[in-house]
Each structure stands twice: as C-alpha cells, then as structure tokens.
Amino acid sequence: MSIRIGILGYGNLGRGVECAVEENPDMELVAVFTRRDPSSVKIWSQGVPVVNVKDVAAWQDKIDVMILCGGSATDLPKQTPEYAKYFNVIDSFDTHARIPEHFADVDKAAKESGHLGIISVGWDPGLFSLARVYSNAILPDGKDYTFWGKGVSQGHSDAIRRIKGVKDAKQYTVPVESALEAVRSGANPELTTREKHTRECFVVLEDGADAAYVENAIKTMPNYFDEYDTTVHFISEEELQRDHSGLAHGGFVIRSGRTGHEKEHNHIIEFSLKLDSNPEFTTSVLVAYARAAYRLAKEGQTGCRTVLDIAPAYLCEQSGEELRAHLL
C-alpha cells in the first residue's frame, strides 16, 4: 500500500514536495491544504484535491504523513504542534536556536495524540547535522566549521517578508572566502559568526513604506541577522524578478581534527552540497523522512524525533537485504 502524503502550504516547498512524491513509487499525494481560497490554487497533480486548512481535521484517517511547508519564523512553531494532534507530521523548522523549545512543543502534542513528528528536516538542519555528529564521533579532538552559500536562504527571505512594509525579498548567504580557505588548510582558526559569513538582502518595499525602519528591522533581527554584516538593497519588483528569481544554494560542513599520541596527524572531513534548487532538494529530504515517519508510526512509536534519532535504513524504499547488497 502506498504511503499517503498530505501537503500543508503550497509555496516553493509545497511544490517541491509534490515533485518529490512523484519520484517515489511507494507514495501518493492525497491532498494539498491551503489558507488561500482553494479555487485559486492550481497544482501540478491531476485529480488531487486542494482543501482549505479549516477542513483539515476531516482528513486525519486519510493521510499517513502530513508534510508542513510553512516558514520557520511564524508558521511552524504554531502549525507543527497543532497538526501533530491529527497526523504524523514532518517539518523543516530551521531556526537553530529555537529547536529545543520547538522539539518540546511537538513532542508533547504528538505523544498526547499518539502520533509521530519529525522536525528540522532538510539540509541544515538535517543532512549537515548528521555530518557534524558523525565527524564529532570520529574525530573527538577537533573543531567544527559550517559554511552556507553562496545562495538564497528561504528561511531568511521569509523572515524579511514578514516585516511591515516589505512586499517581497530575497536574502543571500555568502561565505567569507578567506575564512573557508583557512579552515581547509587545517589552521583551525577561531572564527566568530560575523567572520564566517555575510548576508546580502534585496528588498521590494510596499508603497509608502519606511525604508529606514525596514533596514533597521532586518539588521537587528535576532537569530537571523543581528550577528552578521548585512547589506540591504532596495530594488524594484521588476529587478527582483529579473535578477533574483533563482533558488540556488549549498554549503560545507568541515571538521578538522587530530589523531596520534602526539596529535601529529591532521584530518579534514568535508561534506558539501551544491544545489540548483534549494526548495526541491529540501523537499526531497522531507519526503525521505516522511517514509521514516510512516514506518516508525507503524511500529507504534510516538512523540518527536530529529534526523539524529533515525537510522538511515528507514529512509530508503529498498529492503535491508537490498541495502546490504548494493549500498553498504
């Protein structure tokens, strides 16, 4: 039987999930849920209904895993615990500083309802988190470095769009090249947040908006911009569409560590991604973990999990025998 998938939110992530489900023959898309008028939302999949979120509870016996495609700034902290009351859920919550609190909220709701939730799924947090854990376990005497970009951050762009007076925005995260080179050399530099990345924002204002207010709100935003050198460019809607319509991203997780009785041998572990489409890659990760959520729920597990809690075999359509024969 196919794993029945629901999508809540049909923006870049929602469209990416729809595309990823097509690539997984053990899954089927059952419904797309939206806060908009359903008649105004046109989806790619034929014969799949678009439903208003106010009717979501009626679908709790028809969906195995609900993939939540809202933003981390304001949507997911409320949505994931709320919808864990009705479904097994997956989200891509990416505000690192608030993950422990989000985990606790989802864990409570999912345990009370008998469901399973997996939070902070994607590439960072997500695959980069796994790279950091594996590297720390293997090289306990070492230092971690994470670099993002150059690319568009969906979460940071969404956070800017939530500011009063902003019509649209894109935010690029840019690694500081000299810092990246120092890490790869094995120099083990001590780097502040500000020394590793810069942030560049391209913002379209609403008519009559206060540009100074918007720029200050961006640069002082906790957990997003306050610890970085941030440049804000105000441009027209036409310029944004013409020059900043892409969603490429990527990055590097590097651990530099030493072994030997005299710590004489240096080792570099590097995991990197180069992505043409941030949302399509992120949602491919979400869909793989939806399979894990389905399997864990079938085993009777409840509560909240992260990528750190889930064995890799749960992500794959192949059986354990096939994985041992071909991928081990």
Protein backbone atom coordinates (compact mmCIF):
# COMPACT_ATOMS: atom_id res chain seq x y z
CA MET A 1 0.00 0.00 0.00
CA SER A 2 1.25 3.49 -0.86
CA ILE A 3 2.20 5.95 1.86
CA ARG A 4 -0.50 8.62 1.74
CA ILE A 5 1.02 12.10 1.79
CA GLY A 6 -0.63 15.43 2.55
CA ILE A 7 0.93 18.83 1.84
CA LEU A 8 0.09 21.82 4.02
CA GLY A 9 1.09 25.03 2.27
CA TYR A 10 1.64 25.36 -1.47
CA GLY A 11 4.55 27.75 -1.94
CA ASN A 12 8.06 26.79 -3.07
CA LEU A 13 8.30 23.95 -0.54
CA GLY A 14 4.81 22.64 -1.25
CA ARG A 15 5.52 22.49 -4.97
CA GLY A 16 8.82 20.77 -4.23
CA VAL A 17 7.13 18.08 -2.12
CA GLU A 18 4.63 17.47 -4.91
CA CYS A 19 7.53 16.95 -7.34
CA ALA A 20 9.44 14.67 -4.92
CA VAL A 21 6.43 12.45 -4.23
CA GLU A 22 6.27 11.73 -7.98
CA GLU A 23 9.78 10.26 -7.77
CA ASN A 24 8.87 7.79 -5.00
CA PRO A 25 6.70 4.92 -6.24
CA ASP A 26 5.74 3.85 -2.71
CA MET A 27 3.99 7.21 -2.09
CA GLU A 28 0.89 9.01 -3.31
CA LEU A 29 -0.23 12.60 -2.86
CA VAL A 30 -3.70 12.62 -1.31
CA ALA A 31 -4.47 16.32 -0.80
CA VAL A 32 -2.98 19.82 -0.68
CA PHE A 33 -4.14 22.13 2.13
CA THR A 34 -4.02 25.91 1.87
CA ARG A 35 -5.01 29.02 3.79
CA ARG A 36 -6.00 30.60 0.48
CA ASP A 37 -9.21 30.11 -1.44
CA PRO A 38 -8.73 26.54 -2.76
CA SER A 39 -10.21 27.51 -6.13
CA SER A 40 -7.35 29.98 -6.62
CA VAL A 41 -4.60 27.35 -6.13
CA LYS A 42 -3.63 25.40 -9.23
CA ILE A 43 -1.44 22.36 -8.60
CA TRP A 44 0.51 20.11 -10.95
CA SER A 45 -1.01 16.77 -9.88
CA GLN A 46 -4.16 15.71 -11.68
CA GLY A 47 -7.11 14.56 -9.59
CA VAL A 48 -5.65 15.68 -6.24
CA PRO A 49 -7.98 17.96 -4.27
CA VAL A 50 -6.97 21.34 -2.87
CA VAL A 51 -8.62 21.85 0.53
CA ASN A 52 -8.91 24.77 2.91
CA VAL A 53 -6.96 24.22 6.15
CA LYS A 54 -10.10 24.75 8.22
CA ASP A 55 -11.28 21.34 6.97
CA VAL A 56 -8.02 19.52 7.75
CA ALA A 57 -9.35 17.50 10.72
CA ALA A 58 -11.74 15.62 8.43
CA TRP A 59 -8.72 14.08 6.68
CA GLN A 60 -6.96 12.57 9.68
CA ASP A 61 -7.81 8.97 8.70
CA LYS A 62 -6.94 9.52 5.02
CA ILE A 63 -3.34 10.75 5.37
CA ASP A 64 -0.37 8.83 6.75
CA VAL A 65 2.08 11.75 6.91
CA MET A 66 1.38 15.48 6.65
CA ILE A 67 4.35 17.48 5.33
CA LEU A 68 4.22 21.03 6.67
CA CYS A 69 5.58 23.61 4.24
CA GLY A 70 5.26 26.86 6.19
CA GLY A 71 8.02 29.21 7.29
CA SER A 72 10.06 28.85 10.46
CA ALA A 73 9.62 32.45 11.60
CA THR A 74 5.91 32.32 12.47
CA ASP A 75 4.18 29.33 10.82
CA LEU A 76 5.86 26.16 12.03
CA PRO A 77 6.13 26.99 15.76
CA LYS A 78 2.32 27.03 15.81
CA GLN A 79 1.46 24.62 12.99
CA THR A 80 3.60 21.60 13.83
CA PRO A 81 2.28 21.08 17.39
CA GLU A 82 -1.25 21.86 16.18
CA TYR A 83 -1.30 19.38 13.30
CA ALA A 84 0.51 16.71 15.32
CA LYS A 85 -2.85 16.37 17.07
CA TYR A 86 -4.29 14.89 13.86
CA PHE A 87 -1.40 13.44 11.83
CA ASN A 88 2.12 12.14 11.78
CA VAL A 89 3.98 15.29 10.73
CA ILE A 90 7.27 16.44 9.17
CA ASP A 91 8.61 20.00 9.11
CA SER A 92 11.75 21.88 8.06
CA PHE A 93 11.99 24.21 11.08
CA ASP A 94 15.41 25.84 10.71
CA THR A 95 15.81 28.40 13.50
CA HIS A 96 18.69 26.56 15.20
CA ALA A 97 18.49 28.47 18.49
CA ARG A 98 14.83 27.53 18.98
CA ILE A 99 14.99 23.84 18.04
CA PRO A 100 14.98 22.56 21.68
CA GLU A 101 11.84 24.53 22.50
CA HIS A 102 10.13 23.51 19.23
CA PHE A 103 11.05 19.86 19.87
CA ALA A 104 9.45 20.01 23.34
CA ASP A 105 6.22 21.52 21.98
CA VAL A 106 5.89 18.95 19.19
CA ASP A 107 6.88 16.05 21.47
CA LYS A 108 4.13 16.94 23.94
CA ALA A 109 1.43 17.30 21.28
CA ALA A 110 2.43 14.14 19.39
CA LYS A 111 2.62 11.96 22.49
CA GLU A 112 -0.80 13.17 23.68
CA SER A 113 -2.37 12.31 20.32
CA GLY A 114 -0.43 9.10 19.65
CA HIS A 115 1.35 10.48 16.57
CA LEU A 116 4.96 10.84 15.45
CA GLY A 117 6.61 14.11 14.41
CA ILE A 118 9.99 14.68 12.81
CA ILE A 119 11.21 18.27 12.94
CA SER A 120 14.04 20.30 11.40
CA VAL A 121 14.37 18.09 8.33
CA GLY A 122 16.31 19.38 5.33
CA TRP A 123 19.97 20.01 4.69
CA ASP A 124 20.78 22.37 7.57
CA PRO A 125 19.42 21.47 9.99
CA GLY A 126 19.22 17.95 8.58
CA LEU A 127 21.98 16.41 6.47
CA PHE A 128 24.56 18.90 7.75
CA SER A 129 23.53 17.97 11.31
CA LEU A 130 24.32 14.33 10.56
CA ALA A 131 27.69 15.29 9.08
CA ARG A 132 28.54 17.23 12.25
CA VAL A 133 27.55 14.32 14.51
CA TYR A 134 29.43 11.67 12.53
CA SER A 135 32.53 13.89 12.34
CA ASN A 136 32.49 14.66 16.07
CA ALA A 137 32.16 10.99 16.93
CA ILE A 138 35.07 10.05 14.66
CA LEU A 139 37.40 12.96 15.48
CA PRO A 140 36.73 13.92 19.10
CA ASP A 141 39.82 16.15 19.16
CA GLY A 142 38.87 18.75 16.57
CA LYS A 143 36.81 21.77 15.54
CA ASP A 144 33.61 22.13 13.54
CA TYR A 145 33.00 24.70 10.83
CA THR A 146 29.82 25.21 8.83
CA PHE A 147 29.62 27.50 5.82
CA TRP A 148 26.45 28.23 3.84
CA GLY A 149 26.17 29.61 0.33
CA LYS A 150 26.55 31.50 -1.73
CA GLY A 151 22.83 31.04 -2.10
CA VAL A 152 19.29 32.05 -1.31
CA SER A 153 18.12 31.26 2.20
CA GLN A 154 14.40 30.51 2.12
CA GLY A 155 14.01 30.95 5.87
CA HIS A 156 15.80 34.29 6.00
CA SER A 157 13.98 35.56 2.92
CA ASP A 158 10.67 34.59 4.51
CA ALA A 159 11.64 36.36 7.74
CA ILE A 160 12.29 39.59 5.81
CA ARG A 161 8.95 39.30 4.02
CA ARG A 162 7.21 39.23 7.42
CA ILE A 163 8.48 42.75 8.23
CA LYS A 164 5.90 45.53 7.95
CA GLY A 165 6.35 47.39 4.67
CA VAL A 166 8.10 44.59 2.75
CA LYS A 167 6.38 43.41 -0.42
CA ASP A 168 8.97 40.82 -1.44
CA ALA A 169 12.59 39.94 -0.68
CA LYS A 170 15.49 37.58 -1.34
CA GLN A 171 18.42 37.05 1.00
CA TYR A 172 21.80 35.60 0.00
CA THR A 173 24.16 33.99 2.49
CA VAL A 174 27.79 34.42 1.40
CA PRO A 175 30.80 32.60 2.93
CA VAL A 176 33.89 34.69 3.65
CA GLU A 177 36.40 33.10 1.29
CA SER A 178 39.47 33.76 3.45
CA ALA A 179 37.82 32.01 6.40
CA LEU A 180 36.92 28.99 4.25
CA GLU A 181 40.49 28.73 2.95
CA ALA A 182 41.93 28.91 6.47
CA VAL A 183 39.71 26.05 7.64
CA ARG A 184 40.53 23.82 4.67
CA SER A 185 44.25 24.37 5.30
CA GLY A 186 43.94 22.78 8.74
CA ALA A 187 44.83 26.01 10.54
CA ASN A 188 41.87 25.57 12.94
CA PRO A 189 41.12 29.30 13.18
CA GLU A 190 38.87 30.74 15.87
CA LEU A 191 36.09 32.40 13.87
CA THR A 192 33.18 34.47 15.07
CA THR A 193 29.80 34.24 13.37
CA ARG A 194 30.49 37.59 11.71
CA GLU A 195 33.86 36.41 10.37
CA LYS A 196 32.41 33.36 8.59
CA HIS A 197 29.54 34.83 6.54
CA THR A 198 27.98 37.99 5.23
CA ARG A 199 24.31 38.44 4.35
CA GLU A 200 23.01 40.36 1.36
CA CYS A 201 19.34 41.33 1.11
CA PHE A 202 17.37 42.53 -1.91
CA VAL A 203 14.07 44.07 -0.80
CA VAL A 204 10.98 45.37 -2.60
CA LEU A 205 9.04 47.84 -0.44
CA GLU A 206 5.30 48.38 -0.28
CA ASP A 207 4.18 51.80 -1.48
CA GLY A 208 4.86 54.36 1.24
CA ALA A 209 6.94 52.03 3.38
CA ASP A 210 9.69 53.42 5.60
CA ALA A 211 12.98 52.16 4.16
CA ALA A 212 15.00 53.14 7.24
CA TYR A 213 12.63 51.21 9.51
CA VAL A 214 12.80 48.11 7.28
CA GLU A 215 16.60 48.20 7.06
CA ASN A 216 16.95 48.51 10.84
CA ALA A 217 14.41 45.71 11.42
CA ILE A 218 16.41 43.42 9.15
CA LYS A 219 19.84 44.19 10.59
CA THR A 220 18.72 43.84 14.22
CA MET A 221 16.55 40.71 13.80
CA PRO A 222 17.57 38.14 16.47
CA ASN A 223 18.61 34.67 15.27
CA TYR A 224 18.68 35.86 11.67
CA PHE A 225 20.78 38.97 11.01
CA ASP A 226 21.95 40.62 14.23
CA GLU A 227 25.26 38.73 14.38
CA TYR A 228 26.22 39.27 10.72
CA ASP A 229 27.49 42.06 8.50
CA THR A 230 24.32 42.61 6.49
CA THR A 231 23.83 44.71 3.37
CA VAL A 232 20.30 45.76 2.35
CA HIS A 233 19.50 46.80 -1.23
CA PHE A 234 16.11 48.31 -2.06
CA ILE A 235 15.11 47.44 -5.61
CA SER A 236 12.02 47.33 -7.81
CA GLU A 237 9.76 44.31 -8.18
CA GLU A 238 10.87 44.03 -11.81
CA GLU A 239 14.54 43.91 -10.78
CA LEU A 240 13.82 41.20 -8.20
CA GLN A 241 12.05 39.04 -10.76
CA ARG A 242 14.69 39.63 -13.43
CA ASP A 243 17.85 39.25 -11.38
CA HIS A 244 16.92 37.21 -8.29
CA SER A 245 14.34 34.60 -9.34
CA GLY A 246 16.62 31.60 -8.78
CA LEU A 247 16.79 29.49 -5.62
CA ALA A 248 20.28 28.01 -5.78
CA HIS A 249 22.13 27.29 -2.53
CA GLY A 250 24.64 24.96 -0.92
CA GLY A 251 27.40 24.88 1.62
CA PHE A 252 30.07 22.97 3.51
CA VAL A 253 30.42 21.18 6.84
CA ILE A 254 34.06 20.73 7.78
CA ARG A 255 35.67 19.13 10.82
CA SER A 256 39.40 19.47 11.31
CA GLY A 257 40.81 17.01 13.84
CA ARG A 258 43.98 15.33 15.04
CA THR A 259 44.95 11.77 15.96
CA GLY A 260 48.10 10.11 17.25
CA HIS A 261 49.78 10.00 20.66
CA GLU A 262 51.42 13.36 19.94
CA LYS A 263 48.46 14.65 17.91
CA GLU A 264 50.82 14.56 14.94
CA HIS A 265 48.30 13.65 12.23
CA ASN A 266 45.71 16.11 10.96
CA HIS A 267 42.50 15.07 9.21
CA ILE A 268 39.82 17.05 7.38
CA ILE A 269 36.27 15.71 6.95
CA GLU A 270 34.23 17.76 4.49
CA PHE A 271 30.63 17.31 3.40
CA SER A 272 29.37 19.68 0.73
CA LEU A 273 26.25 20.42 -1.28
CA LYS A 274 25.75 22.44 -4.45
CA LEU A 275 22.07 22.86 -5.17
CA ASP A 276 20.33 24.28 -8.26
CA SER A 277 17.05 24.41 -6.32
CA ASN A 278 17.10 24.80 -2.55
CA PRO A 279 13.37 24.01 -2.13
CA GLU A 280 13.38 20.96 -4.40
CA PHE A 281 16.39 19.47 -2.61
CA THR A 282 14.99 20.31 0.84
CA THR A 283 11.68 18.67 0.00
CA SER A 284 13.43 15.59 -1.36
CA VAL A 285 14.90 15.21 2.14
CA LEU A 286 11.48 15.84 3.71
CA VAL A 287 9.88 13.10 1.60
CA ALA A 288 12.57 10.57 2.53
CA TYR A 289 11.95 11.29 6.21
CA ALA A 290 8.19 11.03 5.63
CA ARG A 291 8.86 7.39 4.77
CA ALA A 292 10.72 7.02 8.07
CA ALA A 293 7.86 8.67 9.97
CA TYR A 294 5.38 6.26 8.41
CA ARG A 295 7.48 3.22 9.34
CA LEU A 296 8.17 4.38 12.89
CA ALA A 297 4.49 5.15 13.44
CA LYS A 298 3.61 1.66 12.20
CA GLU A 299 5.95 0.32 14.89
CA GLY A 300 3.90 2.21 17.48
CA GLN A 301 6.39 4.99 18.17
CA THR A 302 5.05 8.40 19.19
CA GLY A 303 6.45 11.80 20.10
CA CYS A 304 9.05 13.95 18.37
CA ARG A 305 12.24 12.95 16.57
CA THR A 306 15.00 14.70 14.61
CA VAL A 307 17.28 13.34 11.89
CA LEU A 308 19.76 12.40 14.63
CA ASP A 309 17.35 9.80 16.03
CA ILE A 310 16.57 7.87 12.84
CA ALA A 311 18.55 5.01 11.31
CA PRO A 312 19.37 5.53 7.61
CA ALA A 313 17.61 2.34 6.50
CA TYR A 314 14.25 3.87 7.47
CA LEU A 315 14.69 6.49 4.74
CA CYS A 316 15.02 4.11 1.81
CA GLU A 317 12.39 2.30 -0.19
CA GLN A 318 14.75 -0.68 -0.55
CA SER A 319 14.71 -3.54 1.93
CA GLY A 320 17.52 -4.13 4.40
CA GLU A 321 18.71 -7.04 2.25
CA GLU A 322 18.89 -4.81 -0.84
CA LEU A 323 20.73 -2.07 1.05
CA ARG A 324 23.32 -4.52 2.40
CA ALA A 325 23.88 -5.96 -1.07
CA HIS A 326 24.17 -2.71 -3.03
CA LEU A 327 24.87 0.30 -0.79
CA LEU A 328 26.78 -0.98 2.23
